[in-house]
């Protein structure tokens, strides 16, 4: 079990991705969050902020490559950032429910 993180600049794209992945049963569920990201401007050294949209969804680790290929095939021109983190600890009851899906 993993938490997949998908980061995009556009909320509409994030909603489309969530709908697509849930429809194809590639995610158990998804959470959408608006985040302010800070970076240093390489030229001026000033701190710059921009808003990005973060999707976090629970899925099976073996589905990562399928999800990645699907998103690349649809959003190759405006590809969001995609990575996943393992779920190391989980309540045993909740873990069994997820395995059953």
C-alpha atoms as a PDB file:
ATOM      1  CA  UNK A   1       0.000   0.000   0.000  1.00  0.00           C
ATOM      2  CA  UNK A   2       1.288   3.461  -0.928  1.00  0.00           C
ATOM      3  CA  UNK A   3       0.256   7.091  -0.920  1.00  0.00           C
ATOM      4  CA  UNK A   4       0.633   8.494  -4.415  1.00  0.00           C
ATOM      5  CA  UNK A   5       1.372  12.216  -4.642  1.00  0.00           C
ATOM      6  CA  UNK A   6       0.508  14.084  -7.825  1.00  0.00           C
ATOM      7  CA  UNK A   7       1.418  17.773  -8.020  1.00  0.00           C
ATOM      8  CA  UNK A   8      -0.001  20.089 -10.666  1.00  0.00           C
ATOM      9  CA  UNK A   9      -0.375  23.817 -11.218  1.00  0.00           C
ATOM     10  CA  UNK A  10      -4.038  23.656 -12.206  1.00  0.00           C
ATOM     11  CA  UNK A  11      -7.011  22.641 -10.071  1.00  0.00           C
ATOM     12  CA  UNK A  12      -9.037  21.593 -13.134  1.00  0.00           C
ATOM     13  CA  UNK A  13      -6.317  19.140 -14.153  1.00  0.00           C
ATOM     14  CA  UNK A  14      -6.195  17.771 -10.600  1.00  0.00           C
ATOM     15  CA  UNK A  15      -9.964  17.158 -10.580  1.00  0.00           C
ATOM     16  CA  UNK A  16      -9.737  15.418 -13.980  1.00  0.00           C
ATOM     17  CA  UNK A  17      -6.929  13.174 -12.713  1.00  0.00           C
ATOM     18  CA  UNK A  18      -8.838  12.235  -9.554  1.00  0.00           C
ATOM     19  CA  UNK A  19     -11.961  11.422 -11.569  1.00  0.00           C
ATOM     20  CA  UNK A  20      -9.981   9.348 -14.078  1.00  0.00           C
ATOM     21  CA  UNK A  21      -8.095   7.328 -11.446  1.00  0.00           C
ATOM     22  CA  UNK A  22     -11.160   6.674  -9.283  1.00  0.00           C
ATOM     23  CA  UNK A  23     -13.242   5.714 -12.328  1.00  0.00           C
ATOM     24  CA  UNK A  24     -10.617   3.167 -13.384  1.00  0.00           C
ATOM     25  CA  UNK A  25     -10.318   1.907  -9.794  1.00  0.00           C
ATOM     26  CA  UNK A  26      -6.637   2.825  -9.635  1.00  0.00           C
ATOM     27  CA  UNK A  27      -7.142   4.695  -6.340  1.00  0.00           C
ATOM     28  CA  UNK A  28      -9.089   3.774  -3.225  1.00  0.00           C
ATOM     29  CA  UNK A  29      -9.687   7.447  -2.458  1.00  0.00           C
ATOM     30  CA  UNK A  30      -8.112  10.850  -3.049  1.00  0.00           C
ATOM     31  CA  UNK A  31      -7.540  14.088  -1.201  1.00  0.00           C
ATOM     32  CA  UNK A  32      -7.016  17.461  -2.874  1.00  0.00           C
ATOM     33  CA  UNK A  33      -5.012  20.198  -1.211  1.00  0.00           C
ATOM     34  CA  UNK A  34      -3.882  23.665  -2.273  1.00  0.00           C
ATOM     35  CA  UNK A  35      -0.285  24.384  -1.234  1.00  0.00           C
ATOM     36  CA  UNK A  36       1.933  27.450  -1.421  1.00  0.00           C
ATOM     37  CA  UNK A  37       5.411  26.459  -2.629  1.00  0.00           C
ATOM     38  CA  UNK A  38       8.443  28.678  -2.025  1.00  0.00           C
ATOM     39  CA  UNK A  39      11.596  28.813  -4.137  1.00  0.00           C
ATOM     40  CA  UNK A  40      14.556  31.162  -4.444  1.00  0.00           C
ATOM     41  CA  UNK A  41      14.781  33.035  -7.725  1.00  0.00           C
ATOM     42  CA  UNK A  42      18.105  31.943  -9.264  1.00  0.00           C
ATOM     43  CA  UNK A  43      18.798  35.379 -10.731  1.00  0.00           C
ATOM     44  CA  UNK A  44      17.717  37.746  -7.969  1.00  0.00           C
ATOM     45  CA  UNK A  45      17.931  35.482  -4.934  1.00  0.00           C
ATOM     46  CA  UNK A  46      14.466  36.645  -3.853  1.00  0.00           C
ATOM     47  CA  UNK A  47      11.985  34.272  -2.277  1.00  0.00           C
ATOM     48  CA  UNK A  48       9.142  33.529  -4.705  1.00  0.00           C
ATOM     49  CA  UNK A  49       5.869  31.780  -3.950  1.00  0.00           C
ATOM     50  CA  UNK A  50       3.463  29.970  -6.223  1.00  0.00           C
ATOM     51  CA  UNK A  51       0.381  27.866  -5.613  1.00  0.00           C
ATOM     52  CA  UNK A  52       0.327  24.201  -6.543  1.00  0.00           C
ATOM     53  CA  UNK A  53      -2.365  21.566  -6.177  1.00  0.00           C
ATOM     54  CA  UNK A  54      -1.491  18.317  -4.385  1.00  0.00           C
ATOM     55  CA  UNK A  55      -3.448  15.103  -4.872  1.00  0.00           C
ATOM     56  CA  UNK A  56      -2.801  12.368  -2.317  1.00  0.00           C
ATOM     57  CA  UNK A  57      -4.401   9.001  -2.934  1.00  0.00           C
ATOM     58  CA  UNK A  58      -4.183   5.514  -1.441  1.00  0.00           C
ATOM     59  CA  UNK A  59      -3.413   2.749  -3.905  1.00  0.00           C
ATOM     60  CA  UNK A  60      -1.604  -0.548  -4.292  1.00  0.00           C
ATOM     61  CA  UNK A  61       2.125  -0.237  -4.949  1.00  0.00           C
ATOM     62  CA  UNK A  62       1.881  -2.453  -8.032  1.00  0.00           C
ATOM     63  CA  UNK A  63      -0.463   0.079  -9.683  1.00  0.00           C
ATOM     64  CA  UNK A  64       2.087   2.923  -9.677  1.00  0.00           C
ATOM     65  CA  UNK A  65       3.507   2.147 -13.140  1.00  0.00           C
ATOM     66  CA  UNK A  66       0.026   1.821 -14.637  1.00  0.00           C
ATOM     67  CA  UNK A  67      -1.009   5.167 -13.125  1.00  0.00           C
ATOM     68  CA  UNK A  68       2.212   6.806 -14.313  1.00  0.00           C
ATOM     69  CA  UNK A  69       1.802   5.520 -17.897  1.00  0.00           C
ATOM     70  CA  UNK A  70      -1.843   6.620 -17.983  1.00  0.00           C
ATOM     71  CA  UNK A  71      -1.054  10.140 -16.799  1.00  0.00           C
ATOM     72  CA  UNK A  72       1.861  10.426 -19.257  1.00  0.00           C
ATOM     73  CA  UNK A  73      -0.377   9.304 -22.129  1.00  0.00           C
ATOM     74  CA  UNK A  74      -3.027  11.938 -21.352  1.00  0.00           C
ATOM     75  CA  UNK A  75      -0.996  14.858 -19.949  1.00  0.00           C
ATOM     76  CA  UNK A  76       2.347  14.556 -21.789  1.00  0.00           C
ATOM     77  CA  UNK A  77       2.350  18.280 -22.685  1.00  0.00           C
ATOM     78  CA  UNK A  78       1.528  19.411 -19.154  1.00  0.00           C
ATOM     79  CA  UNK A  79       2.825  16.505 -17.075  1.00  0.00           C
ATOM     80  CA  UNK A  80       2.283  16.796 -13.331  1.00  0.00           C
ATOM     81  CA  UNK A  81       4.915  15.639 -10.866  1.00  0.00           C
ATOM     82  CA  UNK A  82       4.223  12.111  -9.625  1.00  0.00           C
ATOM     83  CA  UNK A  83       5.778  10.004  -6.850  1.00  0.00           C
ATOM     84  CA  UNK A  84       4.650   7.718  -4.055  1.00  0.00           C
ATOM     85  CA  UNK A  85       5.452   6.996  -0.431  1.00  0.00           C
ATOM     86  CA  UNK A  86       4.989   3.631   1.256  1.00  0.00           C
ATOM     87  CA  UNK A  87       2.448   3.275   4.032  1.00  0.00           C
ATOM     88  CA  UNK A  88       4.684   1.740   6.673  1.00  0.00           C
ATOM     89  CA  UNK A  89       2.266   1.544   9.584  1.00  0.00           C
ATOM     90  CA  UNK A  90      -1.513   1.326   9.511  1.00  0.00           C
ATOM     91  CA  UNK A  91      -4.208   0.173  11.897  1.00  0.00           C
ATOM     92  CA  UNK A  92      -4.556  -3.597  11.211  1.00  0.00           C
ATOM     93  CA  UNK A  93      -8.337  -3.372  10.739  1.00  0.00           C
ATOM     94  CA  UNK A  94      -8.047  -0.534   8.241  1.00  0.00           C
ATOM     95  CA  UNK A  95      -5.246  -2.347   6.434  1.00  0.00           C
ATOM     96  CA  UNK A  96      -7.397  -5.442   5.980  1.00  0.00           C
ATOM     97  CA  UNK A  97     -10.247  -3.329   4.589  1.00  0.00           C
ATOM     98  CA  UNK A  98      -7.897  -1.779   2.027  1.00  0.00           C
ATOM     99  CA  UNK A  99      -6.506  -5.167   1.024  1.00  0.00           C
ATOM    100  CA  UNK A 100     -10.044  -6.380   0.413  1.00  0.00           C
ATOM    101  CA  UNK A 101     -10.735  -3.653  -2.185  1.00  0.00           C
END
